[in-house]
Amino acid sequence: MFGRFQLLRLLGKSERTMMWAASDTRNQRECMLAIPRKQPEGAAAAAWQQAVHRAGRLEHPHLALVLEIGEHERWPYAMYDHTEVVTWSERFTREGLPPLEVAAWAAGIAQGLAYAHEAGVIHGDIEPWMLGLSEAGHPVLMGLEVAGREVIAAREGAMQELRAVRESAERDVLALGLVMHHALAGQPPLDEPDLTRVVSRMPPVGNEIVRMPWALARPIPDPLRAIVNRATDRQPRHRYRNARTLQNALEGWLRTQSEQDGGPLALLMDRIQAAGVLPAQPGATERVAHLALMDNSRTSELADVVLQDMALTFELLRLVNSAQVSGDGPVLMLRRAIAMLGLDGVRRAALNLRRWPGPMNESAAAEMEALIARVHRAGRLAVRLAPAGYDSEVVYLIALLQNLGRLVVQYHFPEQAHQIQRLMQYIDAGKDGTPAQPGLTSEAASYAVLGVDTDELGLAVARHWGLDASVQRMIHRVAAAEGHRAAEGDGDVLRYAASCANELIDAASLPPARAQLALKQAAQRYVRVLGLTSQDLADALRAEIAAATGSEPIKLPEGPTAATSASLPGNSAAPAAA
């Protein structure tokens, strides 16, 4: 017995807390008692009561209702309902749980945990038996502040206390990641059921590494694996800084799994409808005025004006590919799009664009401008690299479309885009002997932040526009692990040329030592499939960098790649464009 409670069974215990299934003898109600392992005394006892009462006043769908906060023989406790709630640990199996279930449960817990942290309340000992599930599968978090704040109370000063609360909140998020690991793998990380001890064995305190194993009874989707691995990453700088970012990643992945809600595009649709795919770039008013003075017979000059604005370029491609105006294949040429829409259609499209900078703040707008300039450089470089016989405009647009996902993420999710870049950052070895800290790959970083790869978002937008499977393949950048074989058709040639250009431009932006290695690797990957030499790639890149230092309007480079016709069906210039 524990006072008036009959203890039925121990649900779980750690170094800091324990949870008992009990029966209240007053009304025979089944309940759960969360009790600290160390009995608080003196000022600590008063602080415990104050903290748990403050936590108990929080109301959130994913925070369990505290039925009673009391004390028996100076042992404090918090009581929760157990009539319709089971703990996660009671649901765990050796085979692991279904990934979609675990992600949905963890997203709810992360939401409730974020709410508590934002109110200045921490948990201090998240364990599988501190997480509950209703009969309907609704997740709730129990035991807020039950572990006590001994470490925080020992520090002096308000700033030190705030820092300690933030550190404790980060440990809560790490612990939730470890619970997800346990739920999916079917066994506790490091074979240690006490997650408090697991945390103490991981960096920065210990040296143990926790990663999702590959050989599991249930396959784990790569995005969810990346999310869990980021939550428990060996490098603390890679981990989720707060519960809200973990919640966003999980919810992003869950939304992409729901095909009836639009798949990956579900992340973007509301924002696209409100703010467009991209905003018109600075100078849009002058461009529209210029268009008003032109006539349909000058299609090539019109295309040059449109190319100054990436948002207008994409809008014209969307209009001609999604409006069922073409019956002979996708349209990947601005001259043909302009001929099909007419000058009035181009003017209307320009006027309908969201004005710069849209919903972006000043900092995000500056990053967006830098990314757009970088994408334009990649497009021009792709024209220099593509073999003769391909229309330069088609090559250019394929290179641009390979960056569609990055562009829409930078526009609609600027904070997440910044997180992705931070996770990809490579930190060189320190002079004090600290080892180098490699960053995540672009794909892994995107999964860990958004729950979906940015390239997949770009492909989802392209499908929404009406671009068919052949175009989607061309605008899907070649992955680093993808084997390079001889091109099997024109689509492969265009895909390789655009991917090579994008890789070279990305590599050129790295620090010199790493840029040289990245450029060498890109050359090894593409010289054979493009029929070029390493010197050809270097010369093309130098020429593009030299051209980019000027401030002239965007103009496709002249050369052997600026052929008279495209080899893709449906992209021959219309009579009006000729």
Protein backbone atom coordinates (compact mmCIF):
# COMPACT_ATOMS: atom_id res chain seq x y z
CA MET A 1 0.00 0.00 0.00
CA PHE A 2 1.01 3.58 -0.63
CA GLY A 3 -1.30 5.56 1.59
CA ARG A 4 -4.80 4.91 0.34
CA PHE A 5 -3.49 3.45 -2.94
CA GLN A 6 -2.98 -0.25 -3.49
CA LEU A 7 0.05 -0.66 -5.73
CA LEU A 8 -0.76 -3.28 -8.38
CA ARG A 9 2.36 -3.41 -10.57
CA LEU A 10 5.39 -1.37 -11.46
CA LEU A 11 4.99 0.08 -14.95
CA GLY A 12 8.57 1.33 -15.14
CA LYS A 13 11.39 2.99 -13.28
CA SER A 14 14.54 4.95 -14.01
CA GLU A 15 17.19 6.65 -11.91
CA ARG A 16 14.89 9.64 -11.49
CA THR A 17 11.26 8.48 -11.47
CA MET A 18 8.95 5.48 -11.31
CA MET A 19 5.39 4.84 -12.43
CA TRP A 20 2.98 2.47 -10.64
CA ALA A 21 -0.36 1.09 -11.70
CA ALA A 22 -2.53 1.43 -8.61
CA SER A 23 -6.08 1.27 -7.31
CA ASP A 24 -7.60 4.11 -5.31
CA THR A 25 -9.30 2.39 -2.35
CA ARG A 26 -11.71 5.31 -1.91
CA ASN A 27 -13.51 4.64 -5.18
CA GLN A 28 -11.73 1.55 -6.60
CA ARG A 29 -10.59 3.64 -9.53
CA GLU A 30 -7.62 2.46 -11.53
CA CYS A 31 -4.91 5.09 -11.68
CA MET A 32 -1.20 5.63 -12.27
CA LEU A 33 1.15 7.22 -9.74
CA ALA A 34 4.27 9.06 -10.92
CA ILE A 35 6.74 9.27 -8.05
CA PRO A 36 10.31 10.62 -7.90
CA ARG A 37 12.98 8.06 -7.00
CA LYS A 38 14.69 10.51 -4.69
CA GLN A 39 12.65 11.91 -1.82
CA PRO A 40 12.80 15.72 -1.95
CA GLU A 41 13.44 17.39 1.39
CA GLY A 42 13.21 20.90 2.78
CA ALA A 43 13.22 23.60 0.11
CA ALA A 44 13.42 20.93 -2.61
CA ALA A 45 10.09 19.45 -1.44
CA ALA A 46 8.38 22.83 -1.68
CA ALA A 47 9.95 23.46 -5.10
CA TRP A 48 8.75 20.04 -6.31
CA GLN A 49 5.16 20.75 -5.28
CA GLN A 50 5.25 24.19 -6.85
CA ALA A 51 6.70 22.94 -10.15
CA VAL A 52 4.31 19.98 -10.50
CA HIS A 53 1.29 22.13 -9.64
CA ARG A 54 2.36 24.68 -12.27
CA ALA A 55 2.74 21.88 -14.82
CA GLY A 56 -0.63 20.43 -13.81
CA ARG A 57 -2.35 23.68 -14.70
CA LEU A 58 -1.29 23.38 -18.34
CA GLU A 59 -4.13 22.34 -20.64
CA HIS A 60 -3.28 20.68 -23.93
CA PRO A 61 -4.78 17.71 -25.81
CA HIS A 62 -1.46 15.86 -25.60
CA LEU A 63 -0.76 16.55 -21.94
CA ALA A 64 -2.41 14.08 -19.57
CA LEU A 65 -4.76 15.57 -16.97
CA VAL A 66 -3.28 15.45 -13.47
CA LEU A 67 -6.06 14.16 -11.20
CA GLU A 68 -4.27 14.76 -7.94
CA ILE A 69 -0.95 15.99 -6.60
CA GLY A 70 -0.28 14.79 -3.07
CA GLU A 71 2.18 13.39 -0.57
CA HIS A 72 2.42 10.25 1.58
CA GLU A 73 5.00 10.08 4.33
CA ARG A 74 6.85 12.92 2.63
CA TRP A 75 6.89 11.04 -0.69
CA PRO A 76 5.19 13.27 -3.30
CA TYR A 77 3.20 11.85 -6.19
CA ALA A 78 1.15 12.87 -9.21
CA MET A 79 -1.90 10.76 -10.07
CA TYR A 80 -3.20 10.08 -13.59
CA ASP A 81 -6.17 8.15 -14.94
CA HIS A 82 -5.52 4.55 -15.99
CA THR A 83 -9.04 3.43 -16.85
CA GLU A 84 -8.76 4.17 -20.58
CA VAL A 85 -5.03 4.79 -20.96
CA VAL A 86 -2.16 2.37 -21.48
CA THR A 87 1.51 3.28 -21.53
CA TRP A 88 3.67 3.00 -24.60
CA SER A 89 5.81 0.40 -22.85
CA GLU A 90 2.73 -1.81 -22.51
CA ARG A 91 2.28 -1.69 -26.30
CA PHE A 92 5.90 -2.31 -27.25
CA THR A 93 6.79 -5.59 -28.99
CA ARG A 94 10.08 -7.24 -29.92
CA GLU A 95 9.20 -6.82 -33.61
CA GLY A 96 8.74 -3.06 -33.26
CA LEU A 97 5.62 -1.03 -33.96
CA PRO A 98 4.30 0.18 -37.34
CA PRO A 99 6.23 3.30 -38.43
CA LEU A 100 3.12 5.35 -39.20
CA GLU A 101 1.75 4.69 -35.71
CA VAL A 102 4.99 5.60 -33.99
CA ALA A 103 5.38 8.79 -36.04
CA ALA A 104 1.78 9.87 -35.30
CA TRP A 105 2.16 9.18 -31.58
CA ALA A 106 5.51 10.94 -31.35
CA ALA A 107 4.23 13.97 -33.30
CA GLY A 108 1.44 14.37 -30.74
CA ILE A 109 3.84 14.02 -27.80
CA ALA A 110 6.23 16.51 -29.41
CA GLN A 111 3.37 18.97 -29.80
CA GLY A 112 2.42 18.69 -26.13
CA LEU A 113 6.06 18.82 -25.07
CA ALA A 114 6.65 21.95 -27.15
CA TYR A 115 3.65 23.59 -25.47
CA ALA A 116 5.07 22.75 -22.03
CA HIS A 117 8.56 23.95 -22.88
CA GLU A 118 7.21 27.22 -24.23
CA ALA A 119 5.47 27.67 -20.87
CA GLY A 120 8.78 27.13 -19.05
CA VAL A 121 7.87 23.60 -17.91
CA ILE A 122 10.15 20.61 -18.47
CA HIS A 123 9.73 16.89 -18.04
CA GLY A 124 13.17 15.73 -17.01
CA ASP A 125 12.68 11.98 -17.50
CA ILE A 126 10.78 10.99 -20.63
CA GLU A 127 10.46 7.20 -20.70
CA PRO A 128 8.13 4.83 -22.59
CA TRP A 129 6.02 4.38 -19.46
CA MET A 130 5.62 8.16 -19.10
CA LEU A 131 3.81 8.24 -22.45
CA GLY A 132 0.19 7.14 -22.64
CA LEU A 133 -2.29 6.11 -25.31
CA SER A 134 -6.06 6.29 -25.15
CA GLU A 135 -8.23 3.53 -26.59
CA ALA A 136 -8.55 5.65 -29.73
CA GLY A 137 -4.75 5.89 -30.02
CA HIS A 138 -4.55 9.47 -28.77
CA PRO A 139 -1.06 10.06 -27.27
CA VAL A 140 -0.59 11.93 -23.99
CA LEU A 141 2.45 12.88 -21.95
CA MET A 142 2.52 12.25 -18.21
CA GLY A 143 4.94 13.14 -15.42
CA LEU A 144 5.83 16.76 -16.20
CA GLU A 145 8.29 18.04 -13.55
CA VAL A 146 7.98 14.84 -11.48
CA ALA A 147 11.72 14.16 -11.88
CA GLY A 148 12.46 17.40 -10.02
CA ARG A 149 14.80 20.24 -10.77
CA GLU A 150 17.78 19.54 -8.57
CA VAL A 151 20.30 20.41 -11.26
CA ILE A 152 18.51 23.63 -12.15
CA ALA A 153 17.98 24.66 -8.54
CA ALA A 154 21.70 24.34 -7.87
CA ARG A 155 22.51 27.11 -10.33
CA GLU A 156 22.37 30.74 -9.34
CA GLY A 157 20.96 33.62 -11.32
CA ALA A 158 18.03 34.01 -13.68
CA MET A 159 20.12 33.68 -16.87
CA GLN A 160 21.74 30.48 -15.63
CA GLU A 161 18.32 29.07 -14.76
CA LEU A 162 16.96 29.92 -18.20
CA ARG A 163 19.95 28.24 -19.81
CA ALA A 164 19.48 25.17 -17.63
CA VAL A 165 15.79 24.99 -18.59
CA ARG A 166 16.74 25.15 -22.27
CA GLU A 167 19.32 22.39 -21.82
CA SER A 168 16.76 20.26 -19.99
CA ALA A 169 14.26 20.86 -22.80
CA GLU A 170 16.84 19.68 -25.35
CA ARG A 171 17.40 16.53 -23.27
CA ASP A 172 13.63 15.95 -23.28
CA VAL A 173 13.66 16.03 -27.09
CA LEU A 174 16.65 13.68 -27.18
CA ALA A 175 14.83 11.30 -24.84
CA LEU A 176 11.73 11.36 -27.06
CA GLY A 177 13.95 10.41 -29.99
CA LEU A 178 15.27 7.48 -27.96
CA VAL A 179 11.71 6.35 -27.20
CA MET A 180 10.95 6.42 -30.94
CA HIS A 181 14.09 4.37 -31.54
CA HIS A 182 12.90 1.78 -28.98
CA ALA A 183 9.38 1.69 -30.43
CA LEU A 184 10.61 1.09 -33.99
CA ALA A 185 13.53 -1.22 -33.28
CA GLY A 186 11.70 -3.35 -30.72
CA GLN A 187 14.53 -3.10 -28.21
CA PRO A 188 15.91 -0.26 -26.08
CA PRO A 189 18.87 1.70 -27.44
CA LEU A 190 22.24 0.43 -26.16
CA ASP A 191 20.23 -2.42 -24.56
CA GLU A 192 19.56 -0.04 -21.67
CA PRO A 193 15.87 0.39 -20.67
CA ASP A 194 16.66 3.45 -18.52
CA LEU A 195 16.88 6.31 -21.01
CA THR A 196 18.43 8.61 -18.40
CA ARG A 197 21.45 6.33 -18.43
CA VAL A 198 21.42 6.16 -22.23
CA VAL A 199 21.59 9.97 -22.44
CA SER A 200 24.52 9.99 -20.01
CA ARG A 201 26.41 7.58 -22.30
CA MET A 202 25.89 9.70 -25.42
CA PRO A 203 27.85 12.80 -26.52
CA PRO A 204 28.69 15.32 -25.24
CA VAL A 205 29.02 13.40 -21.93
CA GLY A 206 29.83 9.92 -23.24
CA ASN A 207 30.95 8.39 -26.52
CA GLU A 208 28.19 5.89 -27.34
CA ILE A 209 26.42 6.22 -30.71
CA VAL A 210 22.71 5.50 -31.15
CA ARG A 211 21.58 4.83 -34.73
CA MET A 212 18.58 2.98 -36.12
CA PRO A 213 19.72 -0.54 -37.09
CA TRP A 214 19.11 -1.71 -40.66
CA ALA A 215 18.15 -5.31 -39.95
CA LEU A 216 14.69 -4.95 -38.42
CA ALA A 217 11.52 -7.01 -38.54
CA ARG A 218 9.64 -4.00 -39.93
CA PRO A 219 11.29 -1.86 -42.64
CA ILE A 220 11.66 1.79 -41.65
CA PRO A 221 11.07 4.40 -44.39
CA ASP A 222 14.19 6.46 -45.09
CA PRO A 223 12.62 9.82 -44.10
CA LEU A 224 11.47 8.49 -40.71
CA ARG A 225 14.84 6.83 -40.17
CA ALA A 226 16.53 10.18 -40.86
CA ILE A 227 14.22 11.95 -38.39
CA VAL A 228 14.92 9.46 -35.59
CA ASN A 229 18.66 9.43 -36.33
CA ARG A 230 18.76 13.22 -36.25
CA ALA A 231 16.98 13.24 -32.88
CA THR A 232 19.73 11.00 -31.46
CA ASP A 233 22.64 12.18 -33.61
CA ARG A 234 26.19 11.73 -32.32
CA GLN A 235 26.79 15.44 -32.98
CA PRO A 236 24.68 17.53 -30.59
CA ARG A 237 24.63 20.38 -33.14
CA HIS A 238 22.65 18.15 -35.51
CA ARG A 239 19.94 17.24 -33.02
CA TYR A 240 16.58 18.94 -32.80
CA ARG A 241 16.95 22.08 -30.70
CA ASN A 242 13.33 22.04 -29.58
CA ALA A 243 10.26 19.84 -29.66
CA ARG A 244 8.50 22.05 -32.21
CA THR A 245 11.05 21.30 -34.93
CA LEU A 246 10.74 17.57 -34.25
CA GLN A 247 6.95 17.87 -34.40
CA ASN A 248 7.15 19.71 -37.75
CA ALA A 249 9.41 17.06 -39.26
CA LEU A 250 7.15 14.21 -38.15
CA GLU A 251 3.97 15.93 -39.27
CA GLY A 252 5.60 16.80 -42.60
CA TRP A 253 6.43 13.15 -43.24
CA LEU A 254 2.98 12.00 -42.14
CA ARG A 255 1.33 14.43 -44.56
CA THR A 256 3.46 13.19 -47.43
CA GLN A 257 2.30 9.63 -46.72
CA SER A 258 -1.35 10.55 -47.16
CA GLU A 259 -1.89 10.26 -50.90
CA GLN A 260 -5.53 11.25 -50.65
CA ASP A 261 -4.41 14.57 -49.18
CA GLY A 262 -1.99 15.23 -52.02
CA GLY A 263 1.19 13.45 -50.94
CA PRO A 264 4.29 15.67 -50.71
CA LEU A 265 2.38 18.51 -52.35
CA ALA A 266 0.11 18.67 -49.29
CA LEU A 267 2.93 20.47 -47.49
CA LEU A 268 2.82 23.26 -50.03
CA MET A 269 -0.68 23.60 -51.47
CA ASP A 270 -2.10 26.07 -48.94
CA ARG A 271 0.99 28.25 -49.20
CA ILE A 272 1.11 28.06 -52.99
CA GLN A 273 -2.53 29.13 -53.22
CA ALA A 274 -1.88 32.07 -50.90
CA ALA A 275 1.53 33.22 -52.13
CA GLY A 276 2.17 31.54 -55.48
CA VAL A 277 4.97 29.13 -56.34
CA LEU A 278 7.56 31.94 -56.34
CA PRO A 279 7.26 35.73 -56.10
CA ALA A 280 8.00 38.03 -59.00
CA GLN A 281 11.58 39.20 -58.72
CA PRO A 282 12.53 42.85 -58.18
CA GLY A 283 11.94 44.87 -61.32
CA ALA A 284 8.78 43.01 -62.27
CA THR A 285 6.87 46.27 -62.90
CA GLU A 286 9.48 47.41 -65.40
CA ARG A 287 9.39 44.04 -67.14
CA VAL A 288 5.61 44.17 -67.51
CA ALA A 289 5.88 47.68 -68.92
CA HIS A 290 8.49 46.39 -71.36
CA LEU A 291 6.19 43.56 -72.39
CA ALA A 292 3.40 46.06 -73.06
CA LEU A 293 5.56 47.75 -75.71
CA MET A 294 6.43 44.53 -77.53
CA ASP A 295 4.51 42.52 -80.10
CA ASN A 296 4.02 38.83 -80.84
CA SER A 297 6.48 38.77 -83.70
CA ARG A 298 9.46 39.20 -81.39
CA THR A 299 9.12 35.90 -79.52
CA SER A 300 12.85 35.38 -78.93
CA GLU A 301 13.20 38.82 -77.39
CA LEU A 302 10.09 38.15 -75.30
CA ALA A 303 11.68 34.94 -74.03
CA ASP A 304 14.79 36.90 -72.98
CA VAL A 305 12.62 39.27 -70.94
CA VAL A 306 10.72 36.41 -69.32
CA LEU A 307 13.98 34.68 -68.36
CA GLN A 308 14.85 37.64 -66.14
CA ASP A 309 12.09 36.51 -63.79
CA MET A 310 12.20 32.88 -62.63
CA ALA A 311 8.68 33.11 -61.18
CA LEU A 312 7.27 34.23 -64.55
CA THR A 313 9.27 31.53 -66.34
CA PHE A 314 7.75 28.82 -64.15
CA GLU A 315 4.28 30.36 -64.37
CA LEU A 316 4.30 30.17 -68.17
CA LEU A 317 5.44 26.55 -68.04
CA ARG A 318 2.64 25.80 -65.59
CA LEU A 319 0.02 27.48 -67.74
CA VAL A 320 0.89 25.71 -70.99
CA ASN A 321 1.34 22.30 -69.38
CA SER A 322 -1.66 22.27 -67.04
CA ALA A 323 -4.24 24.05 -69.18
CA GLN A 324 -4.56 21.17 -71.66
CA VAL A 325 -3.59 23.51 -74.46
CA SER A 326 -0.98 21.11 -75.78
CA GLY A 327 -1.78 17.70 -77.12
CA ASP A 328 1.63 16.60 -78.41
CA GLY A 329 3.71 16.31 -75.24
CA PRO A 330 5.17 18.58 -72.56
CA VAL A 331 6.26 22.12 -73.38
CA LEU A 332 9.79 22.96 -72.21
CA MET A 333 10.50 25.98 -74.35
CA LEU A 334 9.58 29.56 -73.48
CA ARG A 335 9.34 30.59 -77.11
CA ARG A 336 6.69 27.97 -77.72
CA ALA A 337 4.88 28.80 -74.45
CA ILE A 338 4.74 32.46 -75.46
CA ALA A 339 3.46 31.57 -78.92
CA MET A 340 0.72 29.42 -77.39
CA LEU A 341 -0.39 31.97 -74.77
CA GLY A 342 0.03 35.11 -76.79
CA LEU A 343 1.40 38.41 -75.53
CA ASP A 344 -1.79 39.17 -73.59
CA GLY A 345 -1.54 35.84 -71.79
CA VAL A 346 2.08 36.56 -70.84
CA ARG A 347 1.12 40.01 -69.54
CA ARG A 348 -1.72 38.58 -67.45
CA ALA A 349 0.60 35.93 -66.02
CA ALA A 350 3.14 38.59 -65.06
CA LEU A 351 0.51 40.77 -63.39
CA ASN A 352 -0.91 37.83 -61.42
CA LEU A 353 2.40 37.00 -59.73
CA ARG A 354 2.83 37.81 -56.04
CA ARG A 355 5.03 40.89 -55.70
CA TRP A 356 8.50 40.58 -54.25
CA PRO A 357 9.28 39.57 -51.53
CA GLY A 358 5.89 37.97 -50.78
CA PRO A 359 5.72 36.69 -47.18
CA MET A 360 9.52 36.58 -46.82
CA ASN A 361 11.29 38.86 -44.36
CA GLU A 362 14.40 40.82 -45.35
CA SER A 363 16.86 38.09 -44.39
CA ALA A 364 14.92 35.33 -46.19
CA ALA A 365 14.53 37.54 -49.26
CA ALA A 366 18.31 38.10 -49.41
CA GLU A 367 18.91 34.33 -49.22
CA MET A 368 16.28 33.79 -51.90
CA GLU A 369 17.95 36.28 -54.24
CA ALA A 370 21.30 34.54 -53.73
CA LEU A 371 19.74 31.13 -54.48
CA ILE A 372 18.00 32.40 -57.62
CA ALA A 373 21.27 33.85 -58.91
CA ARG A 374 22.98 30.54 -58.20
CA VAL A 375 20.28 28.59 -60.06
CA HIS A 376 20.59 30.90 -63.06
CA ARG A 377 24.36 30.25 -63.08
CA ALA A 378 23.69 26.51 -63.08
CA GLY A 379 21.32 26.93 -66.03
CA ARG A 380 23.88 28.84 -68.09
CA LEU A 381 26.59 26.33 -67.21
CA ALA A 382 24.34 23.45 -68.31
CA VAL A 383 24.04 25.12 -71.72
CA ARG A 384 27.84 25.20 -71.97
CA LEU A 385 28.11 21.52 -71.01
CA ALA A 386 25.33 19.97 -73.10
CA PRO A 387 26.39 18.33 -76.38
CA ALA A 388 25.64 20.09 -79.62
CA GLY A 389 22.22 19.49 -81.06
CA TYR A 390 20.03 20.47 -78.11
CA ASP A 391 18.08 23.67 -77.81
CA SER A 392 19.85 25.89 -75.28
CA GLU A 393 16.55 27.07 -73.81
CA VAL A 394 15.41 23.50 -73.07
CA VAL A 395 18.75 22.65 -71.45
CA TYR A 396 18.56 25.83 -69.40
CA LEU A 397 15.03 25.16 -68.17
CA ILE A 398 15.81 21.56 -67.21
CA ALA A 399 18.66 22.84 -65.01
CA LEU A 400 16.31 25.39 -63.43
CA LEU A 401 13.59 22.82 -62.81
CA GLN A 402 16.07 20.53 -61.06
CA ASN A 403 16.18 23.26 -58.39
CA LEU A 404 12.41 23.72 -58.14
CA GLY A 405 12.19 21.96 -54.77
CA ARG A 406 15.00 24.04 -53.26
CA LEU A 407 13.41 27.24 -54.53
CA VAL A 408 9.92 26.55 -53.16
CA VAL A 409 11.36 25.44 -49.80
CA GLN A 410 13.45 28.62 -49.57
CA TYR A 411 10.36 30.71 -50.38
CA HIS A 412 7.69 28.96 -48.36
CA PHE A 413 9.82 27.46 -45.54
CA PRO A 414 12.77 29.85 -45.08
CA GLU A 415 13.44 28.81 -41.47
CA GLN A 416 13.46 25.14 -42.43
CA ALA A 417 15.71 25.92 -45.41
CA HIS A 418 18.16 27.54 -42.98
CA GLN A 419 18.03 24.45 -40.78
CA ILE A 420 18.77 22.23 -43.77
CA GLN A 421 21.79 24.32 -44.70
CA ARG A 422 23.03 24.22 -41.10
CA LEU A 423 22.74 20.43 -40.97
CA MET A 424 24.70 20.12 -44.22
CA GLN A 425 27.52 22.33 -42.96
CA TYR A 426 30.94 20.68 -42.73
CA ILE A 427 33.12 21.80 -39.81
CA ASP A 428 36.83 21.30 -40.34
CA ALA A 429 39.07 19.73 -37.71
CA GLY A 430 40.13 22.22 -35.06
CA LYS A 431 43.69 23.27 -34.34
CA ASP A 432 43.21 21.91 -30.82
CA GLY A 433 42.83 18.40 -32.23
CA THR A 434 39.03 18.24 -32.30
CA PRO A 435 37.95 16.00 -35.19
CA ALA A 436 36.15 17.27 -38.27
CA GLN A 437 32.36 17.20 -38.11
CA PRO A 438 30.83 16.22 -41.44
CA GLY A 439 27.40 17.50 -42.29
CA LEU A 440 24.40 15.51 -43.46
CA THR A 441 23.66 14.92 -47.11
CA SER A 442 21.09 17.18 -48.72
CA GLU A 443 18.56 14.34 -48.78
CA ALA A 444 19.09 13.33 -45.13
CA ALA A 445 18.96 16.96 -43.97
CA SER A 446 15.70 17.53 -45.88
CA TYR A 447 14.16 14.39 -44.40
CA ALA A 448 15.25 15.40 -40.89
CA VAL A 449 13.73 18.90 -41.16
CA LEU A 450 10.73 18.57 -43.48
CA GLY A 451 10.07 14.84 -43.47
CA VAL A 452 10.44 14.83 -47.26
CA ASP A 453 13.28 15.40 -49.70
CA THR A 454 13.28 18.82 -51.35
CA ASP A 455 13.67 17.14 -54.75
CA GLU A 456 10.46 15.19 -54.07
CA LEU A 457 8.67 18.47 -53.38
CA GLY A 458 9.90 19.83 -56.69
CA LEU A 459 8.70 16.71 -58.50
CA ALA A 460 5.32 16.98 -56.76
CA VAL A 461 4.94 20.56 -58.02
CA ALA A 462 5.94 19.45 -61.53
CA ARG A 463 3.31 16.70 -61.48
CA HIS A 464 0.75 19.25 -60.30
CA TRP A 465 1.62 21.39 -63.32
CA GLY A 466 0.99 18.48 -65.69
CA LEU A 467 4.58 17.60 -66.63
CA ASP A 468 4.70 13.92 -67.55
CA ALA A 469 6.95 11.10 -66.32
CA SER A 470 9.63 11.71 -68.97
CA VAL A 471 10.08 15.32 -67.82
CA GLN A 472 9.95 14.32 -64.17
CA ARG A 473 12.86 11.97 -64.76
CA MET A 474 14.89 14.70 -66.43
CA ILE A 475 14.34 17.18 -63.60
CA HIS A 476 15.22 14.60 -60.95
CA ARG A 477 18.86 15.35 -60.13
CA VAL A 478 21.26 12.43 -60.36
CA ALA A 479 21.91 11.06 -56.87
CA ALA A 480 25.49 10.63 -55.66
CA ALA A 481 24.96 6.88 -55.27
CA GLU A 482 23.36 6.46 -58.69
CA GLY A 483 25.47 4.58 -61.20
CA HIS A 484 26.42 6.55 -64.30
CA ARG A 485 26.05 4.62 -67.49
CA ALA A 486 25.89 5.69 -71.09
CA ALA A 487 22.92 7.90 -71.87
CA GLU A 488 20.01 5.88 -73.23
CA GLY A 489 18.30 8.80 -74.88
CA ASP A 490 17.99 12.55 -75.16
CA GLY A 491 16.30 12.75 -71.78
CA ASP A 492 19.31 11.17 -70.08
CA VAL A 493 21.69 13.56 -71.83
CA LEU A 494 19.73 16.58 -70.65
CA ARG A 495 19.42 15.18 -67.13
CA TYR A 496 23.16 14.50 -66.87
CA ALA A 497 24.15 17.91 -68.27
CA ALA A 498 21.83 19.74 -65.87
CA SER A 499 22.87 17.62 -62.88
CA CYS A 500 26.55 18.13 -63.66
CA ALA A 501 26.07 21.89 -63.90
CA ASN A 502 24.20 22.01 -60.61
CA GLU A 503 26.87 19.91 -58.87
CA LEU A 504 29.68 22.09 -60.21
CA ILE A 505 27.98 25.29 -59.08
CA ASP A 506 27.32 23.79 -55.63
CA ALA A 507 30.93 22.63 -55.39
CA ALA A 508 32.28 26.03 -56.41
CA SER A 509 30.54 27.60 -53.40
CA LEU A 510 32.43 25.39 -50.90
CA PRO A 511 35.66 26.37 -49.10
CA PRO A 512 38.66 25.99 -51.47
CA ALA A 513 40.03 22.72 -50.07
CA ARG A 514 36.68 20.95 -50.16
CA ALA A 515 35.69 22.59 -53.45
CA GLN A 516 38.64 21.00 -55.22
CA LEU A 517 37.65 17.53 -54.03
CA ALA A 518 33.98 18.06 -54.94
CA LEU A 519 34.88 19.34 -58.41
CA LYS A 520 37.16 16.35 -58.99
CA GLN A 521 34.41 13.93 -57.95
CA ALA A 522 31.90 15.63 -60.25
CA ALA A 523 34.34 15.39 -63.15
CA GLN A 524 34.84 11.68 -62.52
CA ARG A 525 31.09 11.14 -62.50
CA TYR A 526 30.15 13.03 -65.68
CA VAL A 527 33.01 13.29 -68.17
CA ARG A 528 32.30 9.93 -69.77
CA VAL A 529 28.51 10.25 -70.03
CA LEU A 530 28.77 13.78 -71.46
CA GLY A 531 31.70 13.02 -73.75
CA LEU A 532 33.82 15.79 -72.19
CA THR A 533 37.18 16.01 -70.47
CA SER A 534 37.97 17.33 -67.02
CA GLN A 535 39.53 20.34 -68.70
CA ASP A 536 36.30 20.99 -70.61
CA LEU A 537 34.36 21.07 -67.32
CA ALA A 538 36.91 23.34 -65.68
CA ASP A 539 36.94 25.74 -68.64
CA ALA A 540 33.13 25.89 -68.76
CA LEU A 541 32.93 26.57 -65.03
CA ARG A 542 35.59 29.29 -65.20
CA ALA A 543 33.80 30.93 -68.13
CA GLU A 544 30.50 30.92 -66.26
CA ILE A 545 32.04 32.31 -63.06
CA ALA A 546 33.71 35.05 -65.08
CA ALA A 547 30.43 35.89 -66.85
CA ALA A 548 28.53 35.91 -63.54
CA THR A 549 30.74 38.66 -62.11
CA GLY A 550 29.09 41.14 -64.45
CA SER A 551 25.66 42.67 -63.89
CA GLU A 552 24.23 42.19 -67.37
CA PRO A 553 20.73 40.71 -67.76
CA ILE A 554 20.42 36.94 -68.05
CA LYS A 555 21.32 35.78 -71.52
CA LEU A 556 21.98 32.22 -72.64
CA PRO A 557 25.61 31.71 -73.69
CA GLU A 558 26.33 31.37 -77.39
CA GLY A 559 28.12 28.27 -78.55
CA PRO A 560 27.73 24.88 -80.16
CA THR A 561 25.06 23.84 -77.67
CA ALA A 562 22.67 26.55 -78.83
CA ALA A 563 21.23 24.29 -81.50
CA THR A 564 18.33 25.09 -83.74
CA SER A 565 15.87 22.54 -82.41
CA ALA A 566 15.15 20.36 -79.40
CA SER A 567 15.09 16.59 -79.61
CA LEU A 568 12.12 16.26 -77.28
CA PRO A 569 8.62 15.71 -78.66
CA GLY A 570 6.39 18.73 -78.48
CA ASN A 571 9.24 21.25 -78.19
CA SER A 572 9.87 22.26 -81.76
CA ALA A 573 9.35 25.95 -82.18
CA ALA A 574 5.90 26.96 -83.37
CA PRO A 575 5.65 29.08 -86.54
CA ALA A 576 5.08 32.23 -84.54
CA ALA A 577 8.23 31.53 -82.54
CA ALA A 578 10.32 30.83 -85.60
